[in-house]
Amino acid sequence: MIKTRASIFENVPDVDVSAFSPKPRTDRQAPSAEQVKAVAEAANFPSRQAAAPVSAKPPKRHEGRVYRTGRNVQFNAKVSQETVDAIYSVTEANKGWVLGYTLERAMAALKRELELEGAP
């Protein structure tokens, strides 16, 4: 048995739609921008306008933490916690040093030590 879909256009009673028509246009003026702003502020409605920048000054940087050294390559290594603690303690003990400078000094000392050991 084949069932067919019912058509929405079959057996449609005559419907009178002549009573439906668009509403007449009323020529009201839109409220001014000042009126809209006043109503929005009274209702605590947030504005979507971007806030004006507070100042054009660059943000302050932490004193003593900006270094222009030319060191721009990151070096990662797995080491023991004791090694990390030793590197940080040497860096913190010498005011003005940063980790990169501590590593450079350590490498220079290691090279000097190895050259002395290799000399006859």
Protein backbone atom coordinates (compact mmCIF):
# COMPACT_ATOMS: atom_id res chain seq x y z
CA MET A 1 0.00 0.00 0.00
CA ILE A 2 1.48 3.32 -1.09
CA LYS A 3 0.64 6.33 0.98
CA THR A 4 0.72 9.73 -0.59
CA ARG A 5 1.26 12.94 1.23
CA ALA A 6 -1.67 15.19 1.76
CA SER A 7 -1.48 18.43 -0.16
CA ILE A 8 -1.89 21.65 1.73
CA PHE A 9 -3.80 23.04 -1.21
CA GLU A 10 -6.51 20.41 -1.33
CA ASN A 11 -9.80 20.99 0.40
CA VAL A 12 -8.90 24.52 1.40
CA PRO A 13 -11.91 26.54 2.51
CA ASP A 14 -12.27 29.98 1.06
CA VAL A 15 -10.63 32.38 3.46
CA ASP A 16 -11.28 36.07 3.20
CA VAL A 17 -8.04 37.97 3.89
CA SER A 18 -9.27 41.34 2.67
CA ALA A 19 -9.51 42.61 6.25
CA PHE A 20 -5.76 42.26 6.63
CA SER A 21 -3.78 45.26 5.44
CA PRO A 22 -0.61 47.03 6.50
CA LYS A 23 -0.91 49.58 9.22
CA PRO A 24 -0.88 53.15 8.02
CA ARG A 25 2.45 54.90 8.44
CA THR A 26 2.62 57.50 11.11
CA ASP A 27 5.05 60.30 10.40
CA ARG A 28 6.71 60.55 13.76
CA GLN A 29 10.12 62.07 14.05
CA ALA A 30 12.90 59.93 15.50
CA PRO A 31 14.17 61.16 18.87
CA SER A 32 17.34 63.22 18.81
CA ALA A 33 20.68 61.71 19.76
CA GLU A 34 20.71 63.74 22.97
CA GLN A 35 17.31 62.35 23.98
CA VAL A 36 18.44 58.79 23.29
CA LYS A 37 21.64 59.34 25.28
CA ALA A 38 19.71 60.81 28.22
CA VAL A 39 17.30 57.87 28.33
CA ALA A 40 20.13 55.34 28.00
CA GLU A 41 22.12 56.95 30.83
CA ALA A 42 19.02 57.09 33.04
CA ALA A 43 18.49 53.35 32.48
CA ASN A 44 22.22 52.57 33.09
CA PHE A 45 22.50 51.16 29.58
CA PRO A 46 26.19 50.75 28.65
CA SER A 47 27.45 52.51 25.55
CA ARG A 48 29.01 50.51 22.75
CA GLN A 49 31.33 53.36 21.89
CA ALA A 50 34.97 52.66 22.55
CA ALA A 51 36.31 54.48 25.55
CA ALA A 52 38.71 57.30 24.81
CA PRO A 53 42.33 56.41 25.56
CA VAL A 54 43.38 57.68 28.96
CA SER A 55 46.85 58.77 27.93
CA ALA A 56 49.22 58.35 25.03
CA LYS A 57 52.16 57.56 27.33
CA PRO A 58 53.74 54.14 26.94
CA PRO A 59 53.13 51.82 29.88
CA LYS A 60 55.67 51.96 32.68
CA ARG A 61 58.14 49.17 32.80
CA HIS A 62 59.41 47.75 36.02
CA GLU A 63 62.60 49.44 37.06
CA GLY A 64 65.60 47.19 36.80
CA ARG A 65 63.83 44.57 34.69
CA VAL A 66 64.30 45.95 31.16
CA TYR A 67 67.53 44.76 29.58
CA ARG A 68 68.72 45.54 26.09
CA THR A 69 71.48 42.96 25.73
CA GLY A 70 71.01 41.44 22.32
CA ARG A 71 70.25 38.08 23.90
CA ASN A 72 67.28 36.92 21.88
CA VAL A 73 67.67 33.14 21.70
CA GLN A 74 66.02 30.97 24.30
CA PHE A 75 67.97 28.06 25.77
CA ASN A 76 66.18 25.24 27.58
CA ALA A 77 67.81 22.34 29.35
CA LYS A 78 66.71 19.73 31.86
CA VAL A 79 68.81 20.10 34.98
CA SER A 80 68.51 19.14 38.62
CA GLN A 81 66.79 21.43 41.11
CA GLU A 82 70.15 22.01 42.81
CA THR A 83 71.61 23.38 39.56
CA VAL A 84 68.67 25.72 39.06
CA ASP A 85 68.94 26.92 42.65
CA ALA A 86 72.68 27.53 42.25
CA ILE A 87 72.23 29.53 39.03
CA TYR A 88 69.52 31.68 40.59
CA SER A 89 71.49 32.22 43.80
CA VAL A 90 74.56 33.43 41.85
CA THR A 91 72.37 35.70 39.71
CA GLU A 92 70.55 37.18 42.71
CA ALA A 93 73.77 37.62 44.70
CA ASN A 94 75.24 39.81 41.97
CA LYS A 95 72.94 42.80 41.62
CA GLY A 96 72.35 43.79 38.02
CA TRP A 97 72.99 40.32 36.64
CA VAL A 98 70.41 38.40 34.65
CA LEU A 99 70.31 34.68 33.92
CA GLY A 100 71.80 35.12 30.45
CA TYR A 101 74.80 37.03 31.84
CA THR A 102 75.29 34.41 34.58
CA LEU A 103 75.33 31.66 31.94
CA GLU A 104 77.82 33.62 29.79
CA ARG A 105 80.13 34.11 32.79
CA ALA A 106 79.82 30.43 33.74
CA MET A 107 80.73 29.35 30.19
CA ALA A 108 83.73 31.68 30.11
CA ALA A 109 84.96 30.26 33.44
CA LEU A 110 84.43 26.69 32.21
CA LYS A 111 86.42 27.40 29.03
CA ARG A 112 89.29 28.88 31.07
CA GLU A 113 89.28 25.85 33.37
CA LEU A 114 89.30 23.40 30.45
CA GLU A 115 92.16 25.26 28.74
CA LEU A 116 94.24 25.05 31.93
CA GLU A 117 93.61 21.33 32.28
CA GLY A 118 94.52 20.67 28.65
CA ALA A 119 97.87 22.55 28.80
CA PRO A 120 100.97 20.33 29.22
